[in-house]
């Protein structure tokens, strides 16, 4: 696994484009908030489903929830224009997110 050394004086926006990820989104978000980073982290979930099923199950209030038209690039762009971080990270494969030992 590669480690990213980023000084905590940078804010990071993590943008997660999703479509029907209700069963795993909270685990993925939990893994992000468990990362060892002392700086400001903004998590943005952009749902491509018109019904917003994934957004409706998110448990953490600090997550920014955005409803978008379907399409990964469209969702990524919507998240990017909303983000406030100095660094933008896009998390595309949340099925692979898990807690690190």
PDB file of N, CA and C in Angstrom:
ATOM      1  N   UNK A   1       0.830  -1.160   0.000  1.00  0.00           N
ATOM      2  CA  UNK A   1       0.000   0.000   0.000  1.00  0.00           C
ATOM      3  C   UNK A   1       0.887   1.241   0.000  1.00  0.00           C
ATOM      4  N   UNK A   2       0.507   2.230  -0.798  1.00  0.00           N
ATOM      5  CA  UNK A   2       1.234   3.484  -0.853  1.00  0.00           C
ATOM      6  C   UNK A   2       0.691   4.421   0.209  1.00  0.00           C
ATOM      7  N   UNK A   3       1.571   5.231   0.768  1.00  0.00           N
ATOM      8  CA  UNK A   3       1.188   6.208   1.771  1.00  0.00           C
ATOM      9  C   UNK A   3       1.339   7.596   1.178  1.00  0.00           C
ATOM     10  N   UNK A   4       0.355   8.426   1.394  1.00  0.00           N
ATOM     11  CA  UNK A   4       0.390   9.796   0.921  1.00  0.00           C
ATOM     12  C   UNK A   4       0.770  10.690   2.090  1.00  0.00           C
ATOM     13  N   UNK A   5       1.907  11.351   1.972  1.00  0.00           N
ATOM     14  CA  UNK A   5       2.340  12.285   3.005  1.00  0.00           C
ATOM     15  C   UNK A   5       1.843  13.670   2.640  1.00  0.00           C
ATOM     16  N   UNK A   6       0.841  14.124   3.338  1.00  0.00           N
ATOM     17  CA  UNK A   6       0.287  15.452   3.113  1.00  0.00           C
ATOM     18  C   UNK A   6       0.300  16.171   4.445  1.00  0.00           C
ATOM     19  N   UNK A   7       0.837  17.377   4.455  1.00  0.00           N
ATOM     20  CA  UNK A   7       0.852  18.163   5.685  1.00  0.00           C
ATOM     21  C   UNK A   7      -0.567  18.536   6.077  1.00  0.00           C
ATOM     22  N   UNK A   8      -0.838  18.530   7.362  1.00  0.00           N
ATOM     23  CA  UNK A   8      -2.188  18.760   7.848  1.00  0.00           C
ATOM     24  C   UNK A   8      -2.655  20.203   7.687  1.00  0.00           C
ATOM     25  N   UNK A   9      -1.798  21.080   7.135  1.00  0.00           N
ATOM     26  CA  UNK A   9      -2.268  22.432   6.883  1.00  0.00           C
ATOM     27  C   UNK A   9      -3.032  22.524   5.559  1.00  0.00           C
ATOM     28  N   UNK A  10      -3.157  21.429   4.842  1.00  0.00           N
ATOM     29  CA  UNK A  10      -3.982  21.366   3.632  1.00  0.00           C
ATOM     30  C   UNK A  10      -5.323  20.733   3.976  1.00  0.00           C
ATOM     31  N   UNK A  11      -6.382  21.288   3.417  1.00  0.00           N
ATOM     32  CA  UNK A  11      -7.695  20.649   3.576  1.00  0.00           C
ATOM     33  C   UNK A  11      -7.917  19.713   2.389  1.00  0.00           C
ATOM     34  N   UNK A  12      -8.603  18.614   2.657  1.00  0.00           N
ATOM     35  CA  UNK A  12      -8.841  17.595   1.636  1.00  0.00           C
ATOM     36  C   UNK A  12     -10.336  17.395   1.462  1.00  0.00           C
ATOM     37  N   UNK A  13     -10.777  17.417   0.212  1.00  0.00           N
ATOM     38  CA  UNK A  13     -12.154  17.055  -0.119  1.00  0.00           C
ATOM     39  C   UNK A  13     -12.124  15.682  -0.769  1.00  0.00           C
ATOM     40  N   UNK A  14     -12.873  14.747  -0.200  1.00  0.00           N
ATOM     41  CA  UNK A  14     -12.965  13.397  -0.755  1.00  0.00           C
ATOM     42  C   UNK A  14     -14.342  13.270  -1.392  1.00  0.00           C
ATOM     43  N   UNK A  15     -14.351  13.064  -2.695  1.00  0.00           N
ATOM     44  CA  UNK A  15     -15.581  13.024  -3.478  1.00  0.00           C
ATOM     45  C   UNK A  15     -15.857  11.583  -3.874  1.00  0.00           C
ATOM     46  N   UNK A  16     -17.067  11.118  -3.538  1.00  0.00           N
ATOM     47  CA  UNK A  16     -17.440   9.730  -3.793  1.00  0.00           C
ATOM     48  C   UNK A  16     -18.670   9.707  -4.706  1.00  0.00           C
ATOM     49  N   UNK A  17     -18.482   9.418  -6.009  1.00  0.00           N
ATOM     50  CA  UNK A  17     -19.648   9.250  -6.881  1.00  0.00           C
ATOM     51  C   UNK A  17     -20.245   7.860  -6.648  1.00  0.00           C
ATOM     52  N   UNK A  18     -21.561   7.792  -6.444  1.00  0.00           N
ATOM     53  CA  UNK A  18     -22.199   6.509  -6.123  1.00  0.00           C
ATOM     54  C   UNK A  18     -23.455   6.295  -6.964  1.00  0.00           C
ATOM     55  N   UNK A  19     -23.822   5.037  -7.066  1.00  0.00           N
ATOM     56  CA  UNK A  19     -25.082   4.627  -7.682  1.00  0.00           C
ATOM     57  C   UNK A  19     -25.486   3.303  -7.034  1.00  0.00           C
ATOM     58  N   UNK A  20     -26.533   3.320  -6.251  1.00  0.00           N
ATOM     59  CA  UNK A  20     -27.050   2.127  -5.566  1.00  0.00           C
ATOM     60  C   UNK A  20     -25.991   1.462  -4.683  1.00  0.00           C
ATOM     61  N   UNK A  21     -25.383   2.234  -3.811  1.00  0.00           N
ATOM     62  CA  UNK A  21     -24.343   1.738  -2.896  1.00  0.00           C
ATOM     63  C   UNK A  21     -24.830   1.779  -1.448  1.00  0.00           C
ATOM     64  N   UNK A  22     -26.127   1.606  -1.243  1.00  0.00           N
ATOM     65  CA  UNK A  22     -26.712   1.725   0.093  1.00  0.00           C
ATOM     66  C   UNK A  22     -26.099   0.771   1.101  1.00  0.00           C
ATOM     67  N   UNK A  23     -25.751  -0.420   0.675  1.00  0.00           N
ATOM     68  CA  UNK A  23     -25.296  -1.442   1.619  1.00  0.00           C
ATOM     69  C   UNK A  23     -23.872  -1.202   2.130  1.00  0.00           C
ATOM     70  N   UNK A  24     -23.098  -0.362   1.459  1.00  0.00           N
ATOM     71  CA  UNK A  24     -21.688  -0.216   1.855  1.00  0.00           C
ATOM     72  C   UNK A  24     -21.241   1.220   2.094  1.00  0.00           C
ATOM     73  N   UNK A  25     -22.071   2.196   1.813  1.00  0.00           N
ATOM     74  CA  UNK A  25     -21.621   3.586   1.886  1.00  0.00           C
ATOM     75  C   UNK A  25     -21.182   3.982   3.295  1.00  0.00           C
ATOM     76  N   UNK A  26     -21.900   3.561   4.317  1.00  0.00           N
ATOM     77  CA  UNK A  26     -21.522   3.963   5.679  1.00  0.00           C
ATOM     78  C   UNK A  26     -20.196   3.360   6.118  1.00  0.00           C
ATOM     79  N   UNK A  27     -19.910   2.153   5.694  1.00  0.00           N
ATOM     80  CA  UNK A  27     -18.610   1.549   6.001  1.00  0.00           C
ATOM     81  C   UNK A  27     -17.493   2.326   5.298  1.00  0.00           C
ATOM     82  N   UNK A  28     -17.715   2.698   4.050  1.00  0.00           N
ATOM     83  CA  UNK A  28     -16.705   3.455   3.308  1.00  0.00           C
ATOM     84  C   UNK A  28     -16.460   4.809   3.958  1.00  0.00           C
ATOM     85  N   UNK A  29     -17.527   5.496   4.330  1.00  0.00           N
ATOM     86  CA  UNK A  29     -17.399   6.802   4.987  1.00  0.00           C
ATOM     87  C   UNK A  29     -16.681   6.651   6.326  1.00  0.00           C
ATOM     88  N   UNK A  30     -17.015   5.626   7.079  1.00  0.00           N
ATOM     89  CA  UNK A  30     -16.337   5.378   8.344  1.00  0.00           C
ATOM     90  C   UNK A  30     -14.849   5.167   8.160  1.00  0.00           C
ATOM     91  N   UNK A  31     -14.475   4.426   7.116  1.00  0.00           N
ATOM     92  CA  UNK A  31     -13.055   4.191   6.834  1.00  0.00           C
ATOM     93  C   UNK A  31     -12.336   5.495   6.506  1.00  0.00           C
ATOM     94  N   UNK A  32     -13.011   6.390   5.808  1.00  0.00           N
ATOM     95  CA  UNK A  32     -12.398   7.671   5.467  1.00  0.00           C
ATOM     96  C   UNK A  32     -12.162   8.497   6.725  1.00  0.00           C
ATOM     97  N   UNK A  33     -13.160   8.576   7.592  1.00  0.00           N
ATOM     98  CA  UNK A  33     -13.006   9.366   8.808  1.00  0.00           C
ATOM     99  C   UNK A  33     -12.031   8.732   9.798  1.00  0.00           C
ATOM    100  N   UNK A  34     -11.719   7.453   9.640  1.00  0.00           N
ATOM    101  CA  UNK A  34     -10.739   6.790  10.493  1.00  0.00           C
ATOM    102  C   UNK A  34      -9.295   6.986  10.017  1.00  0.00           C
ATOM    103  N   UNK A  35      -9.103   7.614   8.867  1.00  0.00           N
ATOM    104  CA  UNK A  35      -7.754   7.821   8.341  1.00  0.00           C
ATOM    105  C   UNK A  35      -6.941   8.699   9.285  1.00  0.00           C
ATOM    106  N   UNK A  36      -5.651   8.419   9.425  1.00  0.00           N
ATOM    107  CA  UNK A  36      -4.813   9.201  10.337  1.00  0.00           C
ATOM    108  C   UNK A  36      -4.380  10.526   9.705  1.00  0.00           C
ATOM    109  N   UNK A  37      -5.285  11.482   9.659  1.00  0.00           N
ATOM    110  CA  UNK A  37      -4.994  12.795   9.097  1.00  0.00           C
ATOM    111  C   UNK A  37      -5.559  13.850  10.027  1.00  0.00           C
ATOM    112  N   UNK A  38      -4.726  14.791  10.437  1.00  0.00           N
ATOM    113  CA  UNK A  38      -5.131  15.799  11.414  1.00  0.00           C
ATOM    114  C   UNK A  38      -5.754  17.037  10.789  1.00  0.00           C
ATOM    115  N   UNK A  39      -5.635  17.173   9.483  1.00  0.00           N
ATOM    116  CA  UNK A  39      -6.177  18.353   8.813  1.00  0.00           C
ATOM    117  C   UNK A  39      -7.670  18.231   8.581  1.00  0.00           C
ATOM    118  N   UNK A  40      -8.206  19.258   7.949  1.00  0.00           N
ATOM    119  CA  UNK A  40      -9.642  19.298   7.662  1.00  0.00           C
ATOM    120  C   UNK A  40      -9.973  18.359   6.507  1.00  0.00           C
ATOM    121  N   UNK A  41     -10.985  17.521   6.711  1.00  0.00           N
ATOM    122  CA  UNK A  41     -11.439  16.587   5.684  1.00  0.00           C
ATOM    123  C   UNK A  41     -12.910  16.838   5.427  1.00  0.00           C
ATOM    124  N   UNK A  42     -13.229  17.005   4.161  1.00  0.00           N
ATOM    125  CA  UNK A  42     -14.611  17.177   3.715  1.00  0.00           C
ATOM    126  C   UNK A  42     -14.970  15.945   2.886  1.00  0.00           C
ATOM    127  N   UNK A  43     -16.081  15.304   3.210  1.00  0.00           N
ATOM    128  CA  UNK A  43     -16.536  14.144   2.445  1.00  0.00           C
ATOM    129  C   UNK A  43     -17.805  14.541   1.700  1.00  0.00           C
ATOM    130  N   UNK A  44     -17.777  14.322   0.386  1.00  0.00           N
ATOM    131  CA  UNK A  44     -18.903  14.661  -0.473  1.00  0.00           C
ATOM    132  C   UNK A  44     -19.341  13.397  -1.194  1.00  0.00           C
ATOM    133  N   UNK A  45     -20.603  13.017  -1.022  1.00  0.00           N
ATOM    134  CA  UNK A  45     -21.153  11.864  -1.719  1.00  0.00           C
ATOM    135  C   UNK A  45     -22.118  12.394  -2.777  1.00  0.00           C
ATOM    136  N   UNK A  46     -21.884  11.990  -4.029  1.00  0.00           N
ATOM    137  CA  UNK A  46     -22.704  12.448  -5.148  1.00  0.00           C
ATOM    138  C   UNK A  46     -23.435  11.240  -5.722  1.00  0.00           C
ATOM    139  N   UNK A  47     -24.759  11.213  -5.550  1.00  0.00           N
ATOM    140  CA  UNK A  47     -25.591  10.079  -5.953  1.00  0.00           C
ATOM    141  C   UNK A  47     -26.157  10.324  -7.350  1.00  0.00           C
ATOM    142  N   UNK A  48     -25.945   9.364  -8.251  1.00  0.00           N
ATOM    143  CA  UNK A  48     -26.438   9.459  -9.621  1.00  0.00           C
ATOM    144  C   UNK A  48     -27.819   8.881  -9.813  1.00  0.00           C
ATOM    145  N   UNK A  49     -28.451   8.443  -8.756  1.00  0.00           N
ATOM    146  CA  UNK A  49     -29.807   7.900  -8.856  1.00  0.00           C
ATOM    147  C   UNK A  49     -30.816   9.011  -8.586  1.00  0.00           C
ATOM    148  N   UNK A  50     -31.852   9.150  -9.421  1.00  0.00           N
ATOM    149  CA  UNK A  50     -32.848  10.201  -9.209  1.00  0.00           C
ATOM    150  C   UNK A  50     -33.547  10.103  -7.854  1.00  0.00           C
ATOM    151  N   UNK A  51     -33.635   8.914  -7.291  1.00  0.00           N
ATOM    152  CA  UNK A  51     -34.294   8.731  -5.999  1.00  0.00           C
ATOM    153  C   UNK A  51     -33.346   8.975  -4.816  1.00  0.00           C
ATOM    154  N   UNK A  52     -32.049   9.025  -5.060  1.00  0.00           N
ATOM    155  CA  UNK A  52     -31.088   9.298  -3.991  1.00  0.00           C
ATOM    156  C   UNK A  52     -31.058   8.244  -2.909  1.00  0.00           C
ATOM    157  N   UNK A  53     -31.187   6.971  -3.288  1.00  0.00           N
ATOM    158  CA  UNK A  53     -31.235   5.895  -2.295  1.00  0.00           C
ATOM    159  C   UNK A  53     -29.999   5.848  -1.418  1.00  0.00           C
ATOM    160  N   UNK A  54     -28.829   6.037  -2.015  1.00  0.00           N
ATOM    161  CA  UNK A  54     -27.597   5.980  -1.223  1.00  0.00           C
ATOM    162  C   UNK A  54     -27.534   7.145  -0.246  1.00  0.00           C
ATOM    163  N   UNK A  55     -27.902   8.322  -0.698  1.00  0.00           N
ATOM    164  CA  UNK A  55     -27.880   9.496   0.187  1.00  0.00           C
ATOM    165  C   UNK A  55     -28.795   9.308   1.384  1.00  0.00           C
ATOM    166  N   UNK A  56     -29.909   8.631   1.177  1.00  0.00           N
ATOM    167  CA  UNK A  56     -30.904   8.493   2.248  1.00  0.00           C
ATOM    168  C   UNK A  56     -30.435   7.623   3.405  1.00  0.00           C
ATOM    169  N   UNK A  57     -29.410   6.812   3.209  1.00  0.00           N
ATOM    170  CA  UNK A  57     -28.951   5.928   4.290  1.00  0.00           C
ATOM    171  C   UNK A  57     -27.679   6.426   4.979  1.00  0.00           C
ATOM    172  N   UNK A  58     -27.108   7.526   4.523  1.00  0.00           N
ATOM    173  CA  UNK A  58     -25.875   8.043   5.130  1.00  0.00           C
ATOM    174  C   UNK A  58     -26.167   8.489   6.551  1.00  0.00           C
ATOM    175  N   UNK A  59     -25.355   7.996   7.482  1.00  0.00           N
ATOM    176  CA  UNK A  59     -25.593   8.221   8.908  1.00  0.00           C
ATOM    177  C   UNK A  59     -24.850   9.421   9.488  1.00  0.00           C
ATOM    178  N   UNK A  60     -23.766   9.843   8.876  1.00  0.00           N
ATOM    179  CA  UNK A  60     -22.963  10.936   9.437  1.00  0.00           C
ATOM    180  C   UNK A  60     -23.455  12.277   8.912  1.00  0.00           C
ATOM    181  N   UNK A  61     -23.739  13.173   9.840  1.00  0.00           N
ATOM    182  CA  UNK A  61     -24.277  14.484   9.479  1.00  0.00           C
ATOM    183  C   UNK A  61     -23.279  15.380   8.769  1.00  0.00           C
ATOM    184  N   UNK A  62     -21.972  15.155   8.993  1.00  0.00           N
ATOM    185  CA  UNK A  62     -20.967  16.030   8.403  1.00  0.00           C
ATOM    186  C   UNK A  62     -20.696  15.736   6.922  1.00  0.00           C
ATOM    187  N   UNK A  63     -21.304  14.701   6.382  1.00  0.00           N
ATOM    188  CA  UNK A  63     -21.129  14.358   4.972  1.00  0.00           C
ATOM    189  C   UNK A  63     -22.044  15.247   4.133  1.00  0.00           C
ATOM    190  N   UNK A  64     -21.467  15.848   3.100  1.00  0.00           N
ATOM    191  CA  UNK A  64     -22.246  16.656   2.173  1.00  0.00           C
ATOM    192  C   UNK A  64     -22.865  15.720   1.139  1.00  0.00           C
ATOM    193  N   UNK A  65     -24.169  15.790   0.981  1.00  0.00           N
ATOM    194  CA  UNK A  65     -24.898  14.888   0.088  1.00  0.00           C
ATOM    195  C   UNK A  65     -25.422  15.670  -1.106  1.00  0.00           C
ATOM    196  N   UNK A  66     -25.100  15.181  -2.313  1.00  0.00           N
ATOM    197  CA  UNK A  66     -25.507  15.853  -3.538  1.00  0.00           C
ATOM    198  C   UNK A  66     -26.204  14.860  -4.452  1.00  0.00           C
ATOM    199  N   UNK A  67     -27.337  15.265  -4.986  1.00  0.00           N
ATOM    200  CA  UNK A  67     -28.058  14.479  -5.989  1.00  0.00           C
ATOM    201  C   UNK A  67     -27.660  15.004  -7.361  1.00  0.00           C
ATOM    202  N   UNK A  68     -27.304  14.097  -8.260  1.00  0.00           N
ATOM    203  CA  UNK A  68     -26.809  14.481  -9.580  1.00  0.00           C
ATOM    204  C   UNK A  68     -27.452  13.598 -10.636  1.00  0.00           C
ATOM    205  N   UNK A  69     -27.327  14.009 -11.872  1.00  0.00           N
ATOM    206  CA  UNK A  69     -27.712  13.121 -12.966  1.00  0.00           C
ATOM    207  C   UNK A  69     -26.716  11.972 -13.021  1.00  0.00           C
ATOM    208  N   UNK A  70     -27.177  10.836 -13.558  1.00  0.00           N
ATOM    209  CA  UNK A  70     -26.341   9.639 -13.646  1.00  0.00           C
ATOM    210  C   UNK A  70     -25.164   9.874 -14.594  1.00  0.00           C
ATOM    211  N   UNK A  71     -24.043   9.277 -14.238  1.00  0.00           N
ATOM    212  CA  UNK A  71     -22.824   9.363 -15.047  1.00  0.00           C
ATOM    213  C   UNK A  71     -21.654   9.748 -14.161  1.00  0.00           C
ATOM    214  N   UNK A  72     -20.664   8.880 -14.097  1.00  0.00           N
ATOM    215  CA  UNK A  72     -19.555   9.091 -13.166  1.00  0.00           C
ATOM    216  C   UNK A  72     -18.866  10.435 -13.382  1.00  0.00           C
ATOM    217  N   UNK A  73     -18.565  10.796 -14.633  1.00  0.00           N
ATOM    218  CA  UNK A  73     -17.889  12.074 -14.892  1.00  0.00           C
ATOM    219  C   UNK A  73     -18.759  13.247 -14.458  1.00  0.00           C
ATOM    220  N   UNK A  74     -20.034  13.170 -14.731  1.00  0.00           N
ATOM    221  CA  UNK A  74     -20.974  14.223 -14.327  1.00  0.00           C
ATOM    222  C   UNK A  74     -20.980  14.355 -12.795  1.00  0.00           C
ATOM    223  N   UNK A  75     -21.025  13.218 -12.116  1.00  0.00           N
ATOM    224  CA  UNK A  75     -21.034  13.218 -10.653  1.00  0.00           C
ATOM    225  C   UNK A  75     -19.720  13.761 -10.087  1.00  0.00           C
ATOM    226  N   UNK A  76     -18.608  13.376 -10.682  1.00  0.00           N
ATOM    227  CA  UNK A  76     -17.306  13.864 -10.236  1.00  0.00           C
ATOM    228  C   UNK A  76     -17.218  15.382 -10.407  1.00  0.00           C
ATOM    229  N   UNK A  77     -17.684  15.870 -11.541  1.00  0.00           N
ATOM    230  CA  UNK A  77     -17.656  17.311 -11.782  1.00  0.00           C
ATOM    231  C   UNK A  77     -18.540  18.054 -10.796  1.00  0.00           C
ATOM    232  N   UNK A  78     -19.715  17.519 -10.511  1.00  0.00           N
ATOM    233  CA  UNK A  78     -20.617  18.149  -9.542  1.00  0.00           C
ATOM    234  C   UNK A  78     -19.963  18.210  -8.166  1.00  0.00           C
ATOM    235  N   UNK A  79     -19.313  17.138  -7.768  1.00  0.00           N
ATOM    236  CA  UNK A  79     -18.615  17.131  -6.496  1.00  0.00           C
ATOM    237  C   UNK A  79     -17.450  18.109  -6.476  1.00  0.00           C
ATOM    238  N   UNK A  80     -16.715  18.194  -7.578  1.00  0.00           N
ATOM    239  CA  UNK A  80     -15.553  19.075  -7.646  1.00  0.00           C
ATOM    240  C   UNK A  80     -15.939  20.547  -7.544  1.00  0.00           C
ATOM    241  N   UNK A  81     -17.018  20.938  -8.191  1.00  0.00           N
ATOM    242  CA  UNK A  81     -17.414  22.354  -8.128  1.00  0.00           C
ATOM    243  C   UNK A  81     -17.970  22.711  -6.750  1.00  0.00           C
ATOM    244  N   UNK A  82     -18.409  21.721  -5.999  1.00  0.00           N
ATOM    245  CA  UNK A  82     -18.942  21.948  -4.657  1.00  0.00           C
ATOM    246  C   UNK A  82     -17.840  21.929  -3.604  1.00  0.00           C
ATOM    247  N   UNK A  83     -16.754  21.222  -3.878  1.00  0.00           N
ATOM    248  CA  UNK A  83     -15.686  21.001  -2.899  1.00  0.00           C
ATOM    249  C   UNK A  83     -14.990  22.293  -2.494  1.00  0.00           C
ATOM    250  N   UNK A  84     -14.556  22.318  -1.248  1.00  0.00           N
ATOM    251  CA  UNK A  84     -13.843  23.474  -0.696  1.00  0.00           C
ATOM    252  C   UNK A  84     -12.379  23.165  -0.381  1.00  0.00           C
ATOM    253  N   UNK A  85     -11.959  21.923  -0.524  1.00  0.00           N
ATOM    254  CA  UNK A  85     -10.620  21.519  -0.118  1.00  0.00           C
ATOM    255  C   UNK A  85      -9.520  22.020  -1.030  1.00  0.00           C
ATOM    256  N   UNK A  86      -8.307  22.097  -0.460  1.00  0.00           N
ATOM    257  CA  UNK A  86      -7.113  22.427  -1.244  1.00  0.00           C
ATOM    258  C   UNK A  86      -6.756  21.271  -2.178  1.00  0.00           C
ATOM    259  N   UNK A  87      -7.053  20.052  -1.728  1.00  0.00           N
ATOM    260  CA  UNK A  87      -6.753  18.838  -2.479  1.00  0.00           C
ATOM    261  C   UNK A  87      -8.061  18.084  -2.692  1.00  0.00           C
ATOM    262  N   UNK A  88      -8.304  17.646  -3.918  1.00  0.00           N
ATOM    263  CA  UNK A  88      -9.491  16.845  -4.223  1.00  0.00           C
ATOM    264  C   UNK A  88      -9.068  15.404  -4.457  1.00  0.00           C
ATOM    265  N   UNK A  89      -9.697  14.477  -3.739  1.00  0.00           N
ATOM    266  CA  UNK A  89      -9.473  13.050  -3.936  1.00  0.00           C
ATOM    267  C   UNK A  89     -10.790  12.425  -4.371  1.00  0.00           C
ATOM    268  N   UNK A  90     -10.746  11.594  -5.387  1.00  0.00           N
ATOM    269  CA  UNK A  90     -11.943  10.931  -5.881  1.00  0.00           C
ATOM    270  C   UNK A  90     -11.862   9.452  -5.524  1.00  0.00           C
ATOM    271  N   UNK A  91     -12.853   8.977  -4.810  1.00  0.00           N
ATOM    272  CA  UNK A  91     -12.906   7.584  -4.373  1.00  0.00           C
ATOM    273  C   UNK A  91     -13.956   6.872  -5.224  1.00  0.00           C
ATOM    274  N   UNK A  92     -13.503   6.056  -6.159  1.00  0.00           N
ATOM    275  CA  UNK A  92     -14.417   5.432  -7.108  1.00  0.00           C
ATOM    276  C   UNK A  92     -14.825   4.012  -6.756  1.00  0.00           C
ATOM    277  N   UNK A  93     -14.006   3.317  -6.047  1.00  0.00           N
ATOM    278  CA  UNK A  93     -14.275   1.896  -5.802  1.00  0.00           C
ATOM    279  C   UNK A  93     -14.528   1.677  -4.336  1.00  0.00           C
ATOM    280  N   UNK A  94     -15.661   2.149  -3.847  1.00  0.00           N
ATOM    281  CA  UNK A  94     -15.905   2.052  -2.417  1.00  0.00           C
ATOM    282  C   UNK A  94     -16.138   0.630  -1.961  1.00  0.00           C
ATOM    283  N   UNK A  95     -16.401  -0.271  -2.882  1.00  0.00           N
ATOM    284  CA  UNK A  95     -16.539  -1.681  -2.487  1.00  0.00           C
ATOM    285  C   UNK A  95     -15.226  -2.219  -1.951  1.00  0.00           C
ATOM    286  N   UNK A  96     -14.110  -1.563  -2.274  1.00  0.00           N
ATOM    287  CA  UNK A  96     -12.800  -1.990  -1.800  1.00  0.00           C
ATOM    288  C   UNK A  96     -12.379  -1.280  -0.513  1.00  0.00           C
ATOM    289  N   UNK A  97     -13.167  -0.318  -0.036  1.00  0.00           N
ATOM    290  CA  UNK A  97     -12.831   0.397   1.199  1.00  0.00           C
ATOM    291  C   UNK A  97     -13.050  -0.532   2.390  1.00  0.00           C
ATOM    292  N   UNK A  98     -12.107  -0.526   3.277  1.00  0.00           N
ATOM    293  CA  UNK A  98     -12.247  -1.325   4.489  1.00  0.00           C
ATOM    294  C   UNK A  98     -11.350  -0.721   5.545  1.00  0.00           C
ATOM    295  N   UNK A  99     -11.635  -1.063   6.773  1.00  0.00           N
ATOM    296  CA  UNK A  99     -10.806  -0.573   7.877  1.00  0.00           C
ATOM    297  C   UNK A  99      -9.421  -1.190   7.804  1.00  0.00           C
ATOM    298  N   UNK A 100      -8.447  -0.345   8.021  1.00  0.00           N
ATOM    299  CA  UNK A 100      -7.069  -0.828   8.027  1.00  0.00           C
ATOM    300  C   UNK A 100      -6.762  -1.361   9.430  1.00  0.00           C
ATOM    301  N   UNK A 101      -5.895  -2.382   9.519  1.00  0.00           N
ATOM    302  CA  UNK A 101      -5.575  -2.941  10.828  1.00  0.00           C
ATOM    303  C   UNK A 101      -4.800  -1.971  11.690  1.00  0.00           C
TER     304      UNK A 101
END
